[in-house]
Each structure stands twice: as C-alpha cells, then as structure tokens.
Protein backbone atom coordinates (compact mmCIF):
# COMPACT_ATOMS: atom_id res chain seq x y z
CA MET A 1 19.62 2.55 5.40
CA ALA A 2 18.59 0.66 8.49
CA ALA A 3 18.24 2.12 11.93
CA LEU A 4 21.79 2.52 13.23
CA SER A 5 23.12 1.71 16.64
CA TYR A 6 26.60 2.57 17.88
CA ALA A 7 28.75 0.87 20.47
CA GLU A 8 32.36 1.35 21.42
CA GLY A 9 34.64 -1.11 19.68
CA MET A 10 36.60 -3.56 21.74
CA GLY A 11 40.10 -2.24 22.10
CA ASN A 12 39.78 0.88 19.92
CA ASP A 13 37.97 4.18 19.91
CA GLU A 14 36.10 3.72 16.62
CA PRO A 15 32.36 3.09 16.96
CA ILE A 16 30.92 -0.15 15.64
CA CYS A 17 28.04 0.66 13.31
CA PHE A 18 25.44 -2.01 12.68
CA ALA A 19 21.85 -2.33 11.59
CA MET A 20 19.27 -3.52 14.08
CA GLU A 21 15.57 -3.31 14.79
CA PRO A 22 14.72 -0.29 16.97
CA TYR A 23 12.55 -2.42 19.25
CA LYS A 24 12.60 -5.64 21.24
CA VAL A 25 10.06 -8.48 21.16
CA ARG A 26 7.83 -9.07 24.18
CA VAL A 27 5.06 -11.32 22.82
CA VAL A 28 5.44 -14.12 20.26
CA GLU A 29 3.03 -16.25 18.24
CA PRO A 30 3.93 -19.79 17.17
CA LEU A 31 4.01 -20.72 13.49
CA ARG A 32 2.36 -23.86 12.14
CA TRP A 33 4.18 -25.95 9.57
CA THR A 34 2.21 -27.84 6.92
CA THR A 35 3.15 -30.54 4.43
CA ARG A 36 3.07 -30.08 0.67
CA ASP A 37 0.06 -32.43 0.48
CA GLU A 38 -1.77 -30.33 3.07
CA ARG A 39 -1.02 -27.17 1.13
CA GLU A 40 -2.20 -28.72 -2.11
CA ALA A 41 -5.45 -29.72 -0.45
CA ALA A 42 -5.84 -26.21 0.97
CA LEU A 43 -5.33 -24.70 -2.49
CA ARG A 44 -8.01 -26.89 -4.01
CA LYS A 45 -10.42 -26.16 -1.18
CA ALA A 46 -9.81 -22.43 -1.72
CA ARG A 47 -10.28 -22.86 -5.49
CA PHE A 48 -6.74 -21.57 -5.91
CA ASN A 49 -7.61 -18.17 -4.46
CA LEU A 50 -5.04 -17.36 -1.78
CA TYR A 51 -7.43 -14.94 -0.07
CA ALA A 52 -9.66 -17.91 0.65
CA LEU A 53 -6.98 -19.85 2.55
CA ASP A 54 -7.38 -20.25 6.30
CA ALA A 55 -4.70 -18.22 8.08
CA ASP A 56 -3.82 -21.31 10.11
CA ASP A 57 -2.67 -22.94 6.88
CA VAL A 58 -0.21 -20.11 6.11
CA LEU A 59 3.33 -20.21 7.47
CA ILE A 60 4.52 -16.73 6.46
CA ASP A 61 1.84 -14.27 5.38
CA LEU A 62 3.09 -11.72 2.85
CA LEU A 63 -0.37 -11.10 1.40
CA THR A 64 -0.56 -7.54 2.74
CA ASP A 65 0.80 -5.15 5.34
CA SER A 66 -2.70 -3.74 5.87
CA GLY A 67 -3.81 -4.21 9.47
CA THR A 68 -1.32 -7.03 9.96
CA CYS A 69 1.24 -5.05 11.96
CA ALA A 70 2.41 -5.74 15.49
CA VAL A 71 1.09 -3.07 17.83
CA SER A 72 3.48 -1.36 20.21
CA ARG A 73 3.55 -1.15 23.98
CA ASP A 74 2.47 2.49 23.79
CA GLN A 75 -0.41 1.66 21.44
CA MET A 76 -1.63 -1.04 23.84
CA ALA A 77 -1.43 1.39 26.75
CA ALA A 78 -3.33 4.06 24.79
CA MET A 79 -6.04 1.57 23.87
CA MET A 80 -6.80 1.07 27.57
CA GLN A 81 -8.13 4.64 27.73
CA GLY A 82 -10.44 4.23 24.74
CA ASP A 83 -13.61 6.29 25.13
CA GLU A 84 -16.50 4.42 23.54
CA SER A 85 -19.01 7.26 23.78
CA TYR A 86 -21.38 7.39 20.81
CA ALA A 87 -20.93 11.15 20.48
CA GLY A 88 -18.12 13.46 21.55
CA SER A 89 -15.57 10.69 22.16
CA ALA A 90 -12.37 11.88 23.84
CA SER A 91 -10.49 9.26 21.80
CA PHE A 92 -11.72 10.86 18.59
CA ARG A 93 -10.56 14.27 19.83
CA ARG A 94 -7.08 12.88 20.48
CA MET A 95 -6.94 11.29 17.02
CA GLU A 96 -8.33 14.45 15.42
CA GLN A 97 -5.72 16.63 17.14
CA THR A 98 -2.90 14.35 16.01
CA ILE A 99 -4.08 14.47 12.39
CA ARG A 100 -4.43 18.25 12.52
CA GLU A 101 -0.91 18.62 13.90
CA LEU A 102 0.74 16.23 11.46
CA PHE A 103 -1.22 16.97 8.28
CA GLY A 104 -2.60 20.47 8.79
CA TYR A 105 -6.23 19.74 7.87
CA GLU A 106 -9.07 21.14 9.96
CA PHE A 107 -11.83 18.65 9.19
CA VAL A 108 -11.34 14.98 10.14
CA LEU A 109 -13.88 12.24 9.39
CA PRO A 110 -13.14 8.81 10.92
CA THR A 111 -13.95 5.67 8.93
CA HIS A 112 -13.71 1.95 9.58
CA GLN A 113 -10.88 1.65 7.02
CA GLY A 114 -9.36 3.31 3.98
CA ARG A 115 -11.80 2.11 1.35
CA ALA A 116 -14.62 3.73 3.31
CA ALA A 117 -12.74 7.04 3.16
CA GLU A 118 -12.38 6.53 -0.60
CA ARG A 119 -16.11 5.96 -0.87
CA LEU A 120 -16.90 9.12 1.11
CA LEU A 121 -14.63 11.25 -1.06
CA ILE A 122 -15.91 9.90 -4.37
CA ALA A 123 -19.59 9.80 -3.41
CA ALA A 124 -19.51 13.32 -1.97
CA LEU A 125 -17.35 15.10 -4.55
CA ALA A 126 -17.40 13.12 -7.82
CA PRO A 127 -20.82 13.01 -9.54
CA ALA A 128 -21.69 10.08 -11.80
CA GLY A 129 -20.11 10.64 -15.21
CA SER A 130 -17.01 12.24 -13.70
CA LEU A 131 -13.46 11.33 -14.61
CA VAL A 132 -10.82 11.05 -11.83
CA PRO A 133 -7.17 11.19 -12.97
CA SER A 134 -4.30 9.89 -10.87
CA ASN A 135 -0.71 8.72 -11.05
CA THR A 136 -2.24 5.29 -10.38
CA LEU A 137 -5.36 4.38 -8.45
CA PHE A 138 -5.29 1.48 -6.01
CA ASP A 139 -7.70 -1.39 -6.68
CA THR A 140 -10.31 -0.40 -4.08
CA THR A 141 -10.21 3.25 -5.14
CA ARG A 142 -10.72 2.24 -8.74
CA ALA A 143 -13.62 -0.02 -7.75
CA ASN A 144 -15.25 2.74 -5.71
CA CYS A 145 -15.01 5.02 -8.75
CA VAL A 146 -16.59 2.46 -11.05
CA ASP A 147 -19.31 1.64 -8.51
CA HIS A 148 -20.32 5.33 -8.47
CA GLY A 149 -20.30 5.68 -12.25
CA VAL A 150 -16.98 7.55 -12.20
CA GLU A 151 -14.27 6.80 -14.76
CA PRO A 152 -10.77 6.31 -13.27
CA ILE A 153 -7.72 7.12 -15.40
CA ASP A 154 -4.06 6.42 -14.65
CA PHE A 155 -1.14 8.61 -15.71
CA PRO A 156 1.99 6.76 -14.48
CA CYS A 157 5.25 8.42 -15.43
CA ALA A 158 7.38 7.12 -18.30
CA GLU A 159 10.25 6.31 -15.91
CA PHE A 160 8.25 3.51 -14.33
CA TRP A 161 8.24 1.55 -17.57
CA ASP A 162 12.03 1.78 -17.92
CA PHE A 163 12.76 -1.31 -15.86
CA ASP A 164 16.53 -1.01 -16.36
CA ALA A 165 16.70 2.44 -14.76
CA VAL A 166 16.98 2.34 -10.98
CA THR A 167 15.59 5.78 -10.14
CA PRO A 168 13.67 6.37 -6.92
CA PHE A 169 10.61 8.38 -7.95
CA LYS A 170 8.90 6.06 -10.40
CA GLY A 171 5.55 6.73 -8.74
CA ASN A 172 5.41 10.24 -10.22
CA THR A 173 2.48 11.51 -12.25
CA ASP A 174 2.88 11.98 -16.01
CA LEU A 175 2.37 15.75 -15.95
CA ALA A 176 2.10 16.17 -19.71
CA SER A 177 -0.79 13.70 -19.94
CA LEU A 178 -2.50 15.23 -16.92
CA GLU A 179 -2.20 18.72 -18.37
CA ALA A 180 -3.60 17.57 -21.72
CA LEU A 181 -6.65 16.25 -19.88
CA LEU A 182 -7.15 19.28 -17.62
CA ARG A 183 -6.87 21.70 -20.55
CA GLY A 184 -8.72 19.53 -23.04
CA PRO A 185 -12.36 18.96 -23.97
CA GLU A 186 -12.94 16.50 -21.09
CA ALA A 187 -11.73 18.92 -18.38
CA ALA A 188 -15.24 19.73 -17.20
CA ARG A 189 -15.73 16.08 -16.23
CA VAL A 190 -12.82 16.19 -13.74
CA PRO A 191 -13.95 17.06 -10.17
CA PHE A 192 -10.47 16.64 -8.64
CA VAL A 193 -7.04 15.08 -9.13
CA LEU A 194 -5.97 12.18 -6.88
CA VAL A 195 -2.33 11.24 -6.26
CA THR A 196 -1.41 7.98 -4.52
CA ILE A 197 1.65 8.11 -2.23
CA THR A 198 3.40 5.76 -2.50
CA SER A 199 2.09 4.32 -5.78
CA ASN A 200 1.14 0.81 -4.71
CA VAL A 201 0.34 -0.44 -8.20
CA CYS A 202 3.63 0.99 -9.51
CA ALA A 203 5.61 -1.32 -7.21
CA ASP A 204 5.07 0.86 -4.12
CA LEU A 205 7.37 3.55 -5.52
CA PRO A 206 7.23 7.14 -4.29
CA VAL A 207 6.25 10.51 -5.66
CA SER A 208 8.86 13.26 -5.44
CA MET A 209 8.10 16.55 -3.76
CA ALA A 210 8.90 18.32 -7.03
CA ASN A 211 6.40 16.22 -8.97
CA LEU A 212 3.78 16.59 -6.26
CA ARG A 213 4.28 20.35 -6.21
CA ALA A 214 4.02 20.56 -9.99
CA THR A 215 0.85 18.42 -9.91
CA SER A 216 -0.63 20.67 -7.23
CA GLU A 217 0.17 23.84 -9.17
CA LEU A 218 -1.24 22.40 -12.40
CA ALA A 219 -4.46 21.18 -10.75
CA HIS A 220 -5.06 24.46 -8.96
CA ARG A 221 -4.31 26.57 -12.06
CA CYS A 222 -7.00 24.54 -13.81
CA GLY A 223 -9.44 25.03 -10.95
CA LYS A 224 -9.25 21.46 -9.63
CA PRO A 225 -8.64 20.41 -6.02
CA LEU A 226 -5.85 17.92 -5.32
CA TYR A 227 -6.38 15.03 -2.91
CA LEU A 228 -3.89 12.43 -1.73
CA ASP A 229 -4.41 8.73 -1.21
CA ALA A 230 -1.87 8.76 1.58
CA CYS A 231 -1.89 5.30 3.15
CA ARG A 232 1.92 5.17 3.01
CA PHE A 233 2.69 8.84 3.48
CA ALA A 234 5.54 8.22 5.94
CA GLN A 235 7.36 5.90 3.56
CA ASN A 236 6.99 8.45 0.77
CA ALA A 237 8.43 11.12 3.08
CA TRP A 238 11.41 8.85 3.85
CA TYR A 239 12.19 8.50 0.14
CA ILE A 240 12.06 12.27 -0.25
CA GLN A 241 14.40 12.75 2.71
CA ARG A 242 16.92 10.23 1.41
CA PHE A 243 16.84 10.75 -2.34
CA GLU A 244 15.46 14.18 -3.26
CA PRO A 245 17.98 17.04 -3.35
CA GLY A 246 17.48 19.62 -0.64
CA TYR A 247 15.64 17.41 1.86
CA ARG A 248 18.40 15.41 3.56
CA ASP A 249 18.44 17.73 6.57
CA HIS A 250 14.63 17.95 6.87
CA SER A 251 12.87 15.86 9.50
CA ILE A 252 10.26 13.33 8.41
CA ALA A 253 7.61 15.34 10.27
CA ALA A 254 8.54 18.51 8.36
CA ILE A 255 8.44 16.67 5.03
CA VAL A 256 5.05 15.18 5.89
CA ARG A 257 3.70 18.64 6.68
CA GLU A 258 5.03 20.00 3.38
CA ILE A 259 3.51 17.11 1.40
CA PHE A 260 0.05 17.73 2.80
CA SER A 261 0.31 21.49 2.44
CA LEU A 262 0.21 20.96 -1.32
CA ALA A 263 -3.16 19.19 -1.26
CA ASP A 264 -6.74 19.99 -0.30
CA GLY A 265 -7.27 16.81 1.66
CA CYS A 266 -6.45 13.13 1.91
CA ILE A 267 -7.84 9.66 2.33
CA VAL A 268 -5.86 7.35 4.61
CA SER A 269 -6.04 3.73 5.61
CA ALA A 270 -4.62 3.74 9.13
CA LYS A 271 -3.77 0.05 8.69
CA LYS A 272 -0.52 0.87 6.89
CA ASP A 273 1.82 3.66 8.03
CA ALA A 274 -0.32 4.48 11.08
CA MET A 275 0.21 0.86 12.20
CA ALA A 276 -3.33 0.28 13.43
CA GLN A 277 -5.21 -2.95 12.89
CA ILE A 278 -8.37 -1.25 11.67
CA GLY A 279 -9.53 2.27 10.85
CA GLY A 280 -8.96 5.15 8.49
CA PHE A 281 -10.02 8.73 7.86
CA LEU A 282 -10.84 11.43 5.37
CA ALA A 283 -9.23 14.77 6.21
CA LEU A 284 -10.18 17.97 4.38
CA ARG A 285 -9.25 21.62 4.23
CA ASN A 286 -12.55 22.86 2.79
CA GLU A 287 -15.59 23.10 5.08
CA GLU A 288 -18.10 22.75 2.26
CA ALA A 289 -16.49 19.52 1.07
CA ALA A 290 -16.42 18.29 4.66
CA ARG A 291 -20.12 19.06 5.08
CA ALA A 292 -21.01 16.98 2.02
CA ALA A 293 -18.91 14.06 3.22
CA ARG A 294 -20.26 14.21 6.78
CA GLN A 295 -23.79 13.45 5.62
CA ARG A 296 -22.58 10.27 3.96
CA LEU A 297 -20.41 9.39 6.96
CA VAL A 298 -23.40 9.33 9.30
CA LEU A 299 -25.45 7.40 6.75
CA ALA A 300 -22.91 4.70 5.95
CA GLU A 301 -20.28 4.54 8.72
CA GLY A 302 -21.42 5.96 12.04
CA PHE A 303 -21.61 9.21 13.96
CA LEU A 304 -19.10 11.97 13.28
CA THR A 305 -16.95 11.16 16.31
CA TYR A 306 -16.57 7.42 15.85
CA GLY A 307 -17.25 6.68 12.18
CA GLY A 308 -17.45 2.90 12.49
CA ILE A 309 -14.43 2.25 14.72
CA THR A 310 -14.01 1.98 18.46
CA GLY A 311 -12.39 4.45 20.80
CA ARG A 312 -9.64 1.87 21.36
CA ASP A 313 -8.90 1.86 17.64
CA MET A 314 -8.78 5.65 17.50
CA GLU A 315 -6.27 5.67 20.34
CA ALA A 316 -4.14 3.13 18.47
CA ILE A 317 -4.25 5.34 15.35
CA ALA A 318 -3.31 8.51 17.24
CA THR A 319 -0.28 6.77 18.74
CA GLY A 320 0.58 4.84 15.58
CA LEU A 321 0.65 7.97 13.42
CA ARG A 322 3.45 9.38 15.57
CA GLU A 323 5.31 6.07 15.71
CA GLY A 324 4.97 5.75 11.94
CA ILE A 325 7.04 8.89 11.31
CA ASP A 326 9.75 7.95 13.79
CA GLU A 327 12.98 7.99 11.80
CA ALA A 328 14.54 4.93 13.43
CA HIS A 329 11.39 2.94 12.76
CA LEU A 330 11.19 4.09 9.14
CA SER A 331 14.85 3.37 8.46
CA CYS A 332 14.47 -0.16 9.80
CA ARG A 333 11.26 -0.67 7.84
CA MET A 334 12.75 0.42 4.55
CA GLU A 335 16.03 -1.44 5.05
CA THR A 336 14.12 -4.66 5.76
CA THR A 337 12.32 -4.40 2.42
CA ALA A 338 15.59 -3.55 0.66
CA TYR A 339 17.18 -6.61 2.27
CA LEU A 340 14.54 -8.90 0.78
CA HIS A 341 14.88 -7.18 -2.61
CA ASP A 342 18.68 -7.53 -2.65
CA ARG A 343 18.68 -11.17 -1.53
CA LEU A 344 16.25 -12.05 -4.32
CA CYS A 345 18.48 -10.26 -6.83
CA GLU A 346 21.46 -12.30 -5.61
CA HIS A 347 19.54 -15.46 -6.53
CA GLY A 348 18.59 -14.16 -9.97
CA ILE A 349 14.91 -13.69 -9.14
CA PRO A 350 13.56 -10.89 -11.37
CA VAL A 351 12.18 -8.04 -9.29
CA LEU A 352 11.16 -4.48 -9.94
CA SER A 353 13.78 -1.99 -8.82
CA PRO A 354 14.31 -0.08 -6.69
CA ALA A 355 12.75 -1.81 -3.71
CA GLY A 356 9.39 -0.51 -2.56
CA GLY A 357 8.69 0.62 0.97
CA HIS A 358 6.34 -2.08 2.20
CA ALA A 359 6.78 -4.74 -0.48
CA VAL A 360 8.95 -6.35 -3.10
CA TYR A 361 7.34 -6.94 -6.49
CA LEU A 362 8.41 -9.99 -8.47
CA ARG A 363 8.42 -9.78 -12.26
CA ALA A 364 6.20 -12.81 -12.65
CA ASP A 365 5.92 -12.41 -16.43
CA GLN A 366 9.73 -12.46 -16.65
CA MET A 367 10.21 -15.30 -14.17
CA LEU A 368 7.59 -17.44 -15.94
CA PRO A 369 8.06 -16.44 -19.61
CA HIS A 370 6.52 -19.69 -20.84
CA LEU A 371 3.10 -18.58 -19.52
CA SER A 372 0.84 -16.39 -21.62
CA LEU A 373 -0.84 -13.39 -20.02
CA ASP A 374 -4.10 -15.34 -20.13
CA GLU A 375 -2.46 -17.84 -17.78
CA VAL A 376 -2.10 -15.06 -15.19
CA PRO A 377 1.62 -15.37 -14.37
CA GLY A 378 1.35 -13.12 -11.29
CA HIS A 379 -1.20 -15.41 -9.70
CA ALA A 380 0.47 -18.60 -10.93
CA LEU A 381 3.70 -17.61 -9.17
CA ALA A 382 1.83 -16.74 -5.96
CA VAL A 383 0.13 -20.16 -6.01
CA GLU A 384 3.45 -21.91 -6.59
CA LEU A 385 5.10 -20.01 -3.72
CA TYR A 386 2.37 -21.17 -1.35
CA ARG A 387 2.64 -24.70 -2.67
CA GLU A 388 6.42 -24.65 -2.20
CA GLY A 389 6.70 -23.15 1.25
CA GLY A 390 3.36 -22.13 2.75
CA ILE A 391 4.02 -18.46 1.95
CA ARG A 392 1.02 -16.36 0.96
CA SER A 393 1.43 -13.46 -1.47
CA THR A 394 -0.77 -11.81 -4.07
CA ARG A 395 -0.89 -10.88 -7.73
CA MET A 396 -0.63 -7.26 -8.79
CA ALA A 397 -1.07 -6.00 -12.35
CA LEU A 398 -0.71 -2.66 -14.05
CA ALA A 399 -2.57 -2.19 -17.33
CA PRO A 400 -3.37 1.47 -18.11
CA GLN A 401 -6.57 1.80 -20.14
CA SER A 402 -5.70 5.22 -21.55
CA GLY A 403 -2.82 7.64 -21.87
CA PRO A 404 0.54 7.02 -23.55
CA PHE A 405 0.95 3.55 -21.99
CA ALA A 406 -2.47 2.17 -22.88
CA GLY A 407 -2.14 -1.43 -23.96
CA LYS A 408 0.86 -2.21 -21.78
CA ARG A 409 0.48 -4.81 -19.05
CA LEU A 410 2.78 -5.82 -16.24
CA GLU A 411 2.22 -9.02 -14.27
CA MET A 412 3.66 -8.95 -10.75
CA THR A 413 3.58 -10.97 -7.55
CA ARG A 414 3.72 -8.78 -4.45
CA LEU A 415 5.52 -9.81 -1.27
CA ALA A 416 4.14 -7.36 1.32
CA ILE A 417 5.95 -7.26 4.66
CA PRO A 418 3.80 -6.66 7.75
CA ASN A 419 5.20 -3.99 10.06
CA ARG A 420 7.31 -5.25 12.99
CA VAL A 421 6.23 -8.88 12.52
CA TYR A 422 8.85 -10.96 10.65
CA THR A 423 12.62 -11.17 11.09
CA ARG A 424 15.24 -11.46 8.39
CA ARG A 425 15.35 -15.21 9.01
CA HIS A 426 11.72 -15.40 7.88
CA LEU A 427 12.60 -13.42 4.76
CA ASP A 428 15.59 -15.69 4.10
CA TYR A 429 13.16 -18.61 4.07
CA ALA A 430 11.02 -16.83 1.47
CA VAL A 431 14.12 -16.23 -0.65
CA ALA A 432 15.08 -19.89 -0.42
CA CYS A 433 11.61 -20.97 -1.55
CA LEU A 434 11.67 -18.59 -4.52
CA ALA A 435 15.19 -19.68 -5.46
CA ARG A 436 13.98 -23.27 -5.59
CA ILE A 437 11.04 -22.26 -7.77
CA GLY A 438 13.43 -20.34 -10.00
CA GLN A 439 15.42 -23.50 -10.66
CA ARG A 440 12.33 -25.20 -12.10
CA ALA A 441 10.42 -22.15 -13.28
CA GLY A 442 9.67 -23.72 -16.66
CA THR A 443 7.54 -26.40 -14.97
CA VAL A 444 5.24 -23.98 -13.16
CA THR A 445 1.65 -24.39 -14.34
CA GLY A 446 -0.38 -21.38 -15.38
CA MET A 447 -3.78 -20.60 -13.90
CA ARG A 448 -7.10 -20.18 -15.67
CA LEU A 449 -9.75 -17.86 -14.33
CA VAL A 450 -13.02 -19.72 -13.82
CA ARG A 451 -15.20 -16.92 -12.47
CA GLN A 452 -15.01 -13.62 -10.63
CA PRO A 453 -17.32 -10.72 -9.78
CA ALA A 454 -17.13 -7.54 -11.81
CA LEU A 455 -15.67 -5.41 -8.99
CA LEU A 456 -12.58 -6.38 -6.99
CA GLY A 457 -12.68 -9.78 -8.59
CA GLY A 458 -9.30 -10.85 -7.24
CA PHE A 459 -10.64 -11.12 -3.71
CA MET A 460 -13.32 -13.66 -4.69
CA ALA A 461 -12.07 -15.13 -7.96
CA GLU A 462 -11.94 -18.86 -8.60
CA TYR A 463 -9.16 -20.48 -10.64
CA GLU A 464 -8.01 -23.83 -11.87
CA PRO A 465 -4.67 -24.97 -13.31
CA ALA A 466 -4.54 -24.06 -16.99
CA GLY A 467 -5.40 -27.00 -19.21
CA VAL A 468 -6.20 -29.21 -16.20
CA PRO A 469 -9.87 -28.83 -15.21
CA VAL A 470 -10.17 -29.90 -11.60
CA LEU A 471 -13.01 -27.79 -10.24
CA ALA A 472 -16.71 -28.51 -10.51
C-alpha cells in the first residue's frame, strides 16, 4: 500500500483516502531529451554497454537505485555539521550510535561503499579455499569471493522458480540444500553463511522471518556464524510486516531489530535503504571478528573512524537510516514499484511477480523468445529500451552453478527506481516505451558479447548487434 493521507470529504463525514508521496519537492533538475539518432550514436560510442553512456544522454535513469536517491532536508542539514577529523570523528560516533540502536551490533566499521564491506568480511573471515553459501549472492559479493579464492554457492528456494505462483517470500534460502552442505563432507570449508535481504538477483524478493530464523538456527547448530547482506533491510522488514503472519502490528523498527538479532553481523551499502549517496559499513557482534576486519579497514579504506568516507557522508547515513525505516516513506516506496509492475502487466509486458521493493524485473527471455540465450536477451532488451526512449536499465541473470537448480538460467532486465526521484508520470513514460517495444518485439536484435573482464564483466563489457559486426 502507498502512504495514506486523509481529508474530510466535501459534504459528508467519510474520509477521502488517497495515495500520495509523503514529501514535497523543493529542488528540481531539468531533463534533456535526445533524438533516436543521437541515442544510436551514443550506443555505438559506448560499445552497447549502458554503463558507458554519459548521464547527460539518459532521459530516465533506471540503471540502479544505489546512491542515486534524492537527499532530504534533514540529511542536508545534518551534513552541515560533518566532522572531518582524521581520528575520533563526532560524525562517526553519531553514525555508530544509530547503527547500534537500530541493528544491535557493538562493532561498526565504516567503508566507502557496500562492496568494500563485502571485501572486509570475506578477506578477514573466509580463507582461500573456503565455500560461502547464500540464498543468492549479489554480483559484487560473488566477485569479491572469487577474487579471494573463495567459492560462492547459491541456494535459492524452489518457490522462486515457480513463476506462476505470486507468493511474497521468494527470496528465501533453500534450507534442505543448505543443511546438506553444512552436514556434509564439505562443511569444514564453510566459514559462515550469508543471506541477502532482499534477494536482489531473485527479483529483489524478500526473506521471511521464519526462513531467516530457521537459517540462523541451522547455521548456529552447525557451528557457523550467520551474516546478512542487508542493503535493503528496510524493504525486507516492510514485506514481513505486510505479508508474514504475526507481524502486522509490529513496527518496522521492531522488525528490523528482530531480523538483526538472528545474525552475527551484516554488510550494508548505505546507498540503498539508508538513502545516502556514498558509504557503507560492516557491523559485527564478535570482537575477535571485528579485530581481524579492522586491520584490513585501515590498510585498504582509511582510519577506523572514517573508513574512506567524509564526515558529511556519515551524517547523511545516520539520518538516512532513520528516514529509511519511516513507515510512510516505505509504503510510498513500495507502492511506487508496485504501480510500475501493475502498469506493465496491464500492457502484457512479462514481469516477475510479485513486484520487488526497489525494482521491477522484466522477463526478457519471455518478451524476446526469438533470441537465444547466447544473444543475451536481458541486455538486448535494455539496449532497445534506451534506443526507444532514452531510458537506461540493466541486465540481470540468475544461473545457479550448483544445488537443485544448477543448469537453470533466467534472463531479466531490471528497472531500478531511485528513491524519491521520479514521479508516476516518469514511470508511465517507461511503460509506454516498453509497450511500443512489445508490439514489435520480434524485430529486436540480439547482442553478441565481444569482450569482457573475468570479474564483474557487465560493468566493462563490449557488445555488438548479433550477426551485424559494427565494432572494430
């Protein structure tokens, strides 16, 4: 549901109930329109990698919600008191206290963004040769594992693959597969279990409290710590409040505290639910684990009380964490995503259901069935959407390498909605562009990968239209 506002009806005593944003706009940024020819030229210059486009050539940017939010009045005011001291920063103390209050962890290590927190956790606690199981690991987490000689393994739940079932907690961990690993011959290789909330790769769908509790109990019975990749913890808490029995009368803050009580620590990119434009942190319950990570923090990020970000950024995070769990804000955020999802469904655009928290995931392989998987349908659709309307999005794919779903592959195009940035009119424009593409979907050209680096290749990959060599 959206944030609700009530006003007395004209001429009767019944309240008028309507959805509206729980904020008003004070600063605006103009958009720049481009022609189709200009967009085609931009695609070729970028070698058909949408990450390589100049932002000035993008009309509506649905590439990511990470660090692309609009900051609030209170965040701006807090930033003015940023303490830029190298050591002992008062801004760090304020951020640290907020994290301790909300999450319940004693030891807080600031980082310049979430992937740095991932790197600290893996480098400090997962020796080379380890195996890290998860419901699903995000791309950067997976790459950090591989870069440290650690094998990542995904255990998405069976419900995710039932695309006809609209059930809310498709981000859950497959407990049977996890238990088989933790009690099997490879158990000694597992330093910890990592659960991503919400599961970005599984269409941004949440993990239930029941599944998280069962995962925690299983991991701890087997002598393994549990950590959370909690970039979108507030959205996951909202799903629990709305859809999990027994939680409807719990506050978001209480649900957040319960979530984190089940784990031994977390990694967080503050660029998502904390609504900051940069920054992240690793928070831990265990002092020994914190001591190991602190050494690497000073080596790679910065001193313990700034960790590679400014005092201004830490003030924005401290304020944004509290704004991120505001129930009116969350309701509006989730209803906006559901609005885009439902409008696409009305036009027959295949999407994964239910709607995610920060994004809608298009079933690119279903929308473009004439393309083979080698023609990268998820990326081909993203390229066509930019060509059609100047809208930037990104490909997402899920292809478990082990477990009961090994061999499956899902090609998606993600439309990520930046926090507090676009109105429903902007989203209506995106729907109109996709509806037009849908009418001529059979003519959309596939893409051929020309080259990419071994790690995080999507960020720097180069493509060309399949069967039409155009790049030197």
